[in-house]
Amino acid sequence: MVDMVSIYQALVVTEQLSFRRAAAVLGVRQSAVSHRIRVLEEKLGVSLFERRPRGVRPTLAGACFFDQARLALARLEFAVASAKSAGCGQQGRLAEREAIHRMELRAETFLRACEEVAAPQSPKSVIEQA
């Protein structure tokens, strides 16, 4: 199984384009970041980075992986936010009832406006408007 810390560290490496700078941002040793990335690459069976003398850049496989990893982390953050809002009563039956009530009020207002526009006018009122 791939661990989240390795994925997160690999994402920081992609942002920094350097193991050294990523390690500084993460507050860990460069060797620790390098080791985690190497283990991650072994588990995935692909090279995530092209190592160059002046830093790294994602390989095609790495770019695909990081795009999907970012999406997965965004979904995970959304899941956490959803759980928190549900725990605070911002979701669930009560919140649904409140949302339905607001929608009903808006619909009533809209229907009244439509009725006023569509109501037939007497010949007298048409002449007065002209």
N, C-alpha and C. Protein backbone atom coordinates (compact mmCIF):
# COMPACT_ATOMS: atom_id res chain seq x y z
N MET A 1 0.84 -1.19 0.00
CA MET A 1 0.00 0.00 0.00
C MET A 1 0.88 1.25 0.00
N VAL A 2 0.45 2.25 -0.71
CA VAL A 2 1.17 3.51 -0.80
C VAL A 2 0.73 4.40 0.36
N ASP A 3 1.68 5.01 1.07
CA ASP A 3 1.30 5.84 2.21
C ASP A 3 1.17 7.31 1.80
N MET A 4 0.32 8.00 2.51
CA MET A 4 0.00 9.39 2.19
C MET A 4 1.20 10.33 2.37
N VAL A 5 2.04 10.05 3.34
CA VAL A 5 3.21 10.90 3.58
C VAL A 5 4.13 10.89 2.35
N SER A 6 4.32 9.72 1.78
CA SER A 6 5.17 9.62 0.59
C SER A 6 4.56 10.40 -0.58
N ILE A 7 3.27 10.27 -0.75
CA ILE A 7 2.59 11.01 -1.83
C ILE A 7 2.72 12.50 -1.60
N TYR A 8 2.48 12.94 -0.37
CA TYR A 8 2.58 14.36 -0.06
C TYR A 8 4.00 14.87 -0.32
N GLN A 9 4.99 14.13 0.14
CA GLN A 9 6.37 14.54 -0.07
C GLN A 9 6.71 14.58 -1.55
N ALA A 10 6.22 13.62 -2.31
CA ALA A 10 6.48 13.62 -3.75
C ALA A 10 5.83 14.84 -4.41
N LEU A 11 4.66 15.23 -3.96
CA LEU A 11 4.01 16.43 -4.49
C LEU A 11 4.82 17.69 -4.18
N VAL A 12 5.41 17.74 -3.00
CA VAL A 12 6.25 18.88 -2.65
C VAL A 12 7.50 18.89 -3.54
N VAL A 13 8.05 17.72 -3.82
CA VAL A 13 9.20 17.65 -4.72
C VAL A 13 8.82 18.18 -6.10
N THR A 14 7.62 17.83 -6.58
CA THR A 14 7.21 18.32 -7.90
C THR A 14 7.05 19.84 -7.91
N GLU A 15 6.60 20.40 -6.79
CA GLU A 15 6.47 21.86 -6.71
C GLU A 15 7.82 22.55 -6.64
N GLN A 16 8.74 21.95 -5.93
CA GLN A 16 10.06 22.56 -5.72
C GLN A 16 11.07 22.19 -6.82
N LEU A 17 10.76 21.12 -7.56
CA LEU A 17 11.66 20.59 -8.60
C LEU A 17 13.06 20.29 -8.07
N SER A 18 13.09 19.92 -6.79
CA SER A 18 14.37 19.63 -6.13
C SER A 18 14.11 18.85 -4.84
N PHE A 19 14.89 17.80 -4.64
CA PHE A 19 14.77 17.05 -3.38
C PHE A 19 15.27 17.91 -2.23
N ARG A 20 16.35 18.65 -2.46
CA ARG A 20 16.94 19.49 -1.41
C ARG A 20 15.94 20.57 -0.95
N ARG A 21 15.36 21.29 -1.90
CA ARG A 21 14.40 22.34 -1.53
C ARG A 21 13.14 21.75 -0.90
N ALA A 22 12.69 20.61 -1.42
CA ALA A 22 11.51 19.95 -0.83
C ALA A 22 11.80 19.56 0.62
N ALA A 23 12.97 19.03 0.87
CA ALA A 23 13.33 18.65 2.23
C ALA A 23 13.35 19.86 3.15
N ALA A 24 13.85 20.97 2.65
CA ALA A 24 13.87 22.20 3.45
C ALA A 24 12.45 22.66 3.76
N VAL A 25 11.57 22.63 2.78
CA VAL A 25 10.17 23.02 2.98
C VAL A 25 9.50 22.09 3.99
N LEU A 26 9.79 20.81 3.87
CA LEU A 26 9.16 19.81 4.75
C LEU A 26 9.80 19.75 6.13
N GLY A 27 10.99 20.32 6.27
CA GLY A 27 11.69 20.29 7.55
C GLY A 27 12.27 18.92 7.88
N VAL A 28 12.66 18.18 6.86
CA VAL A 28 13.27 16.86 7.05
C VAL A 28 14.58 16.79 6.25
N ARG A 29 15.32 15.72 6.45
CA ARG A 29 16.58 15.56 5.70
C ARG A 29 16.30 15.18 4.26
N GLN A 30 17.19 15.60 3.38
CA GLN A 30 17.05 15.27 1.97
C GLN A 30 17.08 13.76 1.76
N SER A 31 17.90 13.07 2.51
CA SER A 31 18.01 11.62 2.35
C SER A 31 16.69 10.93 2.69
N ALA A 32 15.93 11.48 3.65
CA ALA A 32 14.65 10.89 4.03
C ALA A 32 13.64 11.06 2.89
N VAL A 33 13.62 12.24 2.28
CA VAL A 33 12.70 12.48 1.16
C VAL A 33 13.09 11.58 -0.01
N SER A 34 14.37 11.54 -0.33
CA SER A 34 14.86 10.72 -1.44
C SER A 34 14.50 9.25 -1.23
N HIS A 35 14.67 8.78 0.00
CA HIS A 35 14.36 7.37 0.30
C HIS A 35 12.86 7.10 0.12
N ARG A 36 12.02 7.98 0.65
CA ARG A 36 10.57 7.79 0.51
C ARG A 36 10.15 7.77 -0.95
N ILE A 37 10.72 8.65 -1.75
CA ILE A 37 10.37 8.70 -3.17
C ILE A 37 10.81 7.43 -3.87
N ARG A 38 12.00 6.96 -3.54
CA ARG A 38 12.51 5.73 -4.15
C ARG A 38 11.60 4.55 -3.81
N VAL A 39 11.17 4.44 -2.55
CA VAL A 39 10.26 3.37 -2.14
C VAL A 39 8.92 3.50 -2.86
N LEU A 40 8.41 4.73 -2.98
CA LEU A 40 7.16 4.98 -3.68
C LEU A 40 7.28 4.53 -5.14
N GLU A 41 8.37 4.88 -5.78
CA GLU A 41 8.58 4.49 -7.17
C GLU A 41 8.64 2.97 -7.31
N GLU A 42 9.28 2.31 -6.36
CA GLU A 42 9.35 0.84 -6.39
C GLU A 42 7.95 0.23 -6.24
N LYS A 43 7.15 0.77 -5.34
CA LYS A 43 5.80 0.25 -5.14
C LYS A 43 4.93 0.46 -6.38
N LEU A 44 5.11 1.61 -7.03
CA LEU A 44 4.32 1.92 -8.23
C LEU A 44 4.87 1.22 -9.48
N GLY A 45 6.14 0.89 -9.44
CA GLY A 45 6.77 0.23 -10.59
C GLY A 45 7.12 1.19 -11.72
N VAL A 46 7.22 2.48 -11.40
CA VAL A 46 7.58 3.48 -12.41
C VAL A 46 8.49 4.53 -11.77
N SER A 47 9.26 5.22 -12.61
CA SER A 47 10.03 6.37 -12.15
C SER A 47 9.12 7.59 -12.20
N LEU A 48 9.04 8.29 -11.09
CA LEU A 48 8.20 9.48 -11.03
C LEU A 48 8.96 10.73 -11.44
N PHE A 49 10.28 10.69 -11.28
CA PHE A 49 11.10 11.85 -11.57
C PHE A 49 12.27 11.50 -12.47
N GLU A 50 12.58 12.46 -13.31
CA GLU A 50 13.82 12.40 -14.08
C GLU A 50 14.84 13.18 -13.26
N ARG A 51 15.86 12.48 -12.80
CA ARG A 51 16.87 13.12 -11.96
C ARG A 51 17.92 13.76 -12.86
N ARG A 52 18.19 15.04 -12.61
CA ARG A 52 19.17 15.78 -13.40
C ARG A 52 20.16 16.44 -12.45
N PRO A 53 21.29 16.90 -12.96
CA PRO A 53 22.28 17.52 -12.07
C PRO A 53 21.74 18.75 -11.33
N ARG A 54 20.83 19.46 -11.93
CA ARG A 54 20.29 20.68 -11.30
C ARG A 54 18.84 20.51 -10.87
N GLY A 55 18.50 19.39 -10.28
CA GLY A 55 17.14 19.18 -9.79
C GLY A 55 16.46 18.01 -10.47
N VAL A 56 15.15 18.00 -10.38
CA VAL A 56 14.35 16.92 -10.95
C VAL A 56 13.18 17.51 -11.71
N ARG A 57 12.59 16.69 -12.55
CA ARG A 57 11.32 17.04 -13.19
C ARG A 57 10.51 15.75 -13.31
N PRO A 58 9.19 15.88 -13.26
CA PRO A 58 8.36 14.67 -13.33
C PRO A 58 8.47 14.00 -14.70
N THR A 59 8.47 12.69 -14.68
CA THR A 59 8.38 11.93 -15.92
C THR A 59 6.93 11.98 -16.38
N LEU A 60 6.65 11.42 -17.53
CA LEU A 60 5.27 11.37 -18.00
C LEU A 60 4.41 10.58 -17.01
N ALA A 61 4.94 9.44 -16.56
CA ALA A 61 4.22 8.64 -15.56
C ALA A 61 4.04 9.44 -14.27
N GLY A 62 5.06 10.18 -13.88
CA GLY A 62 4.99 11.00 -12.69
C GLY A 62 3.95 12.10 -12.82
N ALA A 63 3.93 12.76 -13.97
CA ALA A 63 2.95 13.83 -14.18
C ALA A 63 1.52 13.28 -14.09
N CYS A 64 1.29 12.12 -14.69
CA CYS A 64 -0.04 11.49 -14.61
C CYS A 64 -0.38 11.15 -13.16
N PHE A 65 0.57 10.57 -12.47
CA PHE A 65 0.35 10.19 -11.07
C PHE A 65 0.05 11.41 -10.21
N PHE A 66 0.84 12.48 -10.38
CA PHE A 66 0.66 13.67 -9.54
C PHE A 66 -0.65 14.38 -9.84
N ASP A 67 -1.08 14.40 -11.08
CA ASP A 67 -2.39 14.98 -11.41
C ASP A 67 -3.49 14.26 -10.66
N GLN A 68 -3.44 12.93 -10.70
CA GLN A 68 -4.47 12.14 -10.02
C GLN A 68 -4.33 12.24 -8.50
N ALA A 69 -3.10 12.31 -8.00
CA ALA A 69 -2.89 12.43 -6.55
C ALA A 69 -3.46 13.75 -6.04
N ARG A 70 -3.28 14.84 -6.80
CA ARG A 70 -3.83 16.13 -6.40
C ARG A 70 -5.36 16.06 -6.35
N LEU A 71 -5.96 15.43 -7.35
CA LEU A 71 -7.42 15.28 -7.36
C LEU A 71 -7.89 14.47 -6.16
N ALA A 72 -7.18 13.39 -5.88
CA ALA A 72 -7.55 12.53 -4.75
C ALA A 72 -7.44 13.30 -3.43
N LEU A 73 -6.38 14.09 -3.28
CA LEU A 73 -6.23 14.87 -2.05
C LEU A 73 -7.31 15.93 -1.94
N ALA A 74 -7.69 16.52 -3.05
CA ALA A 74 -8.78 17.51 -3.02
C ALA A 74 -10.08 16.84 -2.60
N ARG A 75 -10.36 15.64 -3.11
CA ARG A 75 -11.56 14.91 -2.72
C ARG A 75 -11.53 14.55 -1.23
N LEU A 76 -10.33 14.18 -0.76
CA LEU A 76 -10.18 13.85 0.66
C LEU A 76 -10.44 15.08 1.52
N GLU A 77 -9.92 16.24 1.12
CA GLU A 77 -10.19 17.47 1.86
C GLU A 77 -11.68 17.79 1.86
N PHE A 78 -12.35 17.57 0.73
CA PHE A 78 -13.79 17.79 0.65
C PHE A 78 -14.53 16.84 1.59
N ALA A 79 -14.08 15.59 1.64
CA ALA A 79 -14.71 14.61 2.53
C ALA A 79 -14.58 15.04 3.98
N VAL A 80 -13.43 15.55 4.36
CA VAL A 80 -13.21 16.02 5.73
C VAL A 80 -14.12 17.22 6.02
N ALA A 81 -14.19 18.16 5.08
CA ALA A 81 -15.05 19.34 5.27
C ALA A 81 -16.51 18.92 5.36
N SER A 82 -16.92 17.96 4.55
CA SER A 82 -18.31 17.48 4.58
C SER A 82 -18.64 16.84 5.93
N ALA A 83 -17.72 16.06 6.43
CA ALA A 83 -17.93 15.41 7.73
C ALA A 83 -18.04 16.46 8.83
N LYS A 84 -17.19 17.47 8.77
CA LYS A 84 -17.24 18.52 9.79
C LYS A 84 -18.56 19.28 9.72
N SER A 85 -19.01 19.61 8.51
CA SER A 85 -20.26 20.37 8.40
C SER A 85 -21.45 19.51 8.83
N ALA A 86 -21.39 18.22 8.54
CA ALA A 86 -22.47 17.33 8.99
C ALA A 86 -22.47 17.24 10.51
N GLY A 87 -21.29 17.22 11.09
CA GLY A 87 -21.18 17.16 12.55
C GLY A 87 -21.67 18.42 13.23
N CYS A 88 -21.63 19.53 12.52
CA CYS A 88 -22.09 20.82 13.07
C CYS A 88 -23.54 21.08 12.75
N GLY A 89 -24.21 20.12 12.09
CA GLY A 89 -25.62 20.28 11.76
C GLY A 89 -25.85 21.07 10.49
N GLN A 90 -24.81 21.32 9.73
CA GLN A 90 -24.97 22.07 8.48
C GLN A 90 -25.41 21.17 7.35
N GLN A 91 -25.41 19.89 7.58
CA GLN A 91 -25.91 18.94 6.60
C GLN A 91 -26.88 18.02 7.33
N GLY A 92 -27.59 17.25 6.58
CA GLY A 92 -28.53 16.32 7.20
C GLY A 92 -29.95 16.79 7.04
N ARG A 93 -30.86 16.14 7.76
CA ARG A 93 -32.28 16.40 7.58
C ARG A 93 -32.69 17.82 7.92
N LEU A 94 -32.17 18.36 9.00
CA LEU A 94 -32.55 19.72 9.38
C LEU A 94 -32.09 20.71 8.32
N ALA A 95 -30.86 20.60 7.91
CA ALA A 95 -30.35 21.50 6.88
C ALA A 95 -31.10 21.31 5.56
N GLU A 96 -31.46 20.08 5.26
CA GLU A 96 -32.22 19.82 4.03
C GLU A 96 -33.59 20.49 4.10
N ARG A 97 -34.24 20.40 5.25
CA ARG A 97 -35.55 21.03 5.41
C ARG A 97 -35.45 22.55 5.27
N GLU A 98 -34.40 23.12 5.85
CA GLU A 98 -34.20 24.57 5.73
C GLU A 98 -33.96 24.95 4.27
N ALA A 99 -33.19 24.18 3.56
CA ALA A 99 -32.91 24.47 2.15
C ALA A 99 -34.19 24.35 1.32
N ILE A 100 -34.99 23.33 1.62
CA ILE A 100 -36.26 23.15 0.89
C ILE A 100 -37.19 24.33 1.17
N HIS A 101 -37.24 24.76 2.42
CA HIS A 101 -38.10 25.89 2.77
C HIS A 101 -37.66 27.15 2.01
N ARG A 102 -36.36 27.41 1.94
CA ARG A 102 -35.86 28.58 1.20
C ARG A 102 -36.22 28.46 -0.28
N MET A 103 -36.10 27.27 -0.83
CA MET A 103 -36.45 27.06 -2.24
C MET A 103 -37.94 27.30 -2.46
N GLU A 104 -38.77 26.82 -1.53
CA GLU A 104 -40.22 27.03 -1.67
C GLU A 104 -40.56 28.52 -1.65
N LEU A 105 -39.93 29.29 -0.76
CA LEU A 105 -40.18 30.72 -0.71
C LEU A 105 -39.77 31.40 -2.02
N ARG A 106 -38.62 31.01 -2.56
CA ARG A 106 -38.18 31.58 -3.84
C ARG A 106 -39.15 31.21 -4.96
N ALA A 107 -39.62 29.96 -4.95
CA ALA A 107 -40.56 29.52 -5.99
C ALA A 107 -41.87 30.30 -5.90
N GLU A 108 -42.37 30.53 -4.67
CA GLU A 108 -43.60 31.29 -4.50
C GLU A 108 -43.43 32.72 -5.02
N THR A 109 -42.31 33.33 -4.71
CA THR A 109 -42.05 34.69 -5.18
C THR A 109 -41.99 34.73 -6.70
N PHE A 110 -41.32 33.74 -7.27
CA PHE A 110 -41.20 33.66 -8.73
C PHE A 110 -42.58 33.47 -9.38
N LEU A 111 -43.40 32.58 -8.81
CA LEU A 111 -44.73 32.32 -9.38
C LEU A 111 -45.62 33.57 -9.29
N ARG A 112 -45.52 34.30 -8.17
CA ARG A 112 -46.31 35.53 -8.06
C ARG A 112 -45.89 36.53 -9.13
N ALA A 113 -44.61 36.64 -9.37
CA ALA A 113 -44.11 37.56 -10.40
C ALA A 113 -44.58 37.14 -11.78
N CYS A 114 -44.59 35.82 -12.02
CA CYS A 114 -45.07 35.31 -13.31
C CYS A 114 -46.56 35.58 -13.49
N GLU A 115 -47.32 35.41 -12.43
CA GLU A 115 -48.77 35.66 -12.50
C GLU A 115 -49.05 37.12 -12.80
N GLU A 116 -48.27 38.01 -12.21
CA GLU A 116 -48.48 39.43 -12.45
C GLU A 116 -48.19 39.79 -13.90
N VAL A 117 -47.15 39.20 -14.46
CA VAL A 117 -46.79 39.47 -15.84
C VAL A 117 -47.81 38.87 -16.79
N ALA A 118 -48.30 37.67 -16.48
CA ALA A 118 -49.20 36.95 -17.38
C ALA A 118 -50.67 37.32 -17.20
N ALA A 119 -50.98 38.04 -16.14
CA ALA A 119 -52.40 38.38 -15.88
C ALA A 119 -52.93 39.24 -17.01
N PRO A 120 -54.12 38.89 -17.52
CA PRO A 120 -54.70 39.71 -18.60
C PRO A 120 -55.06 41.08 -18.06
N GLN A 121 -54.75 42.07 -18.85
CA GLN A 121 -55.05 43.43 -18.44
C GLN A 121 -56.35 43.90 -19.10
N SER A 122 -57.08 44.72 -18.39
CA SER A 122 -58.32 45.26 -18.95
C SER A 122 -57.96 46.29 -20.01
N PRO A 123 -58.87 46.51 -20.97
CA PRO A 123 -58.57 47.51 -22.00
C PRO A 123 -58.25 48.89 -21.41
N LYS A 124 -58.91 49.19 -20.29
CA LYS A 124 -58.68 50.49 -19.66
C LYS A 124 -57.24 50.62 -19.19
N SER A 125 -56.70 49.56 -18.53
CA SER A 125 -55.33 49.64 -18.02
C SER A 125 -54.32 49.69 -19.15
N VAL A 126 -54.61 49.04 -20.28
CA VAL A 126 -53.70 49.08 -21.43
C VAL A 126 -53.64 50.50 -21.97
N ILE A 127 -54.82 51.18 -22.03
CA ILE A 127 -54.87 52.56 -22.53
C ILE A 127 -54.13 53.49 -21.58
N GLU A 128 -54.27 53.26 -20.26
CA GLU A 128 -53.60 54.09 -19.28
C GLU A 128 -52.09 53.98 -19.38
N GLN A 129 -51.59 52.77 -19.72
CA GLN A 129 -50.15 52.56 -19.82
C GLN A 129 -49.59 53.26 -21.05
N ALA A 130 -50.40 53.45 -22.09
CA ALA A 130 -49.91 54.04 -23.34
C ALA A 130 -49.79 55.50 -23.18
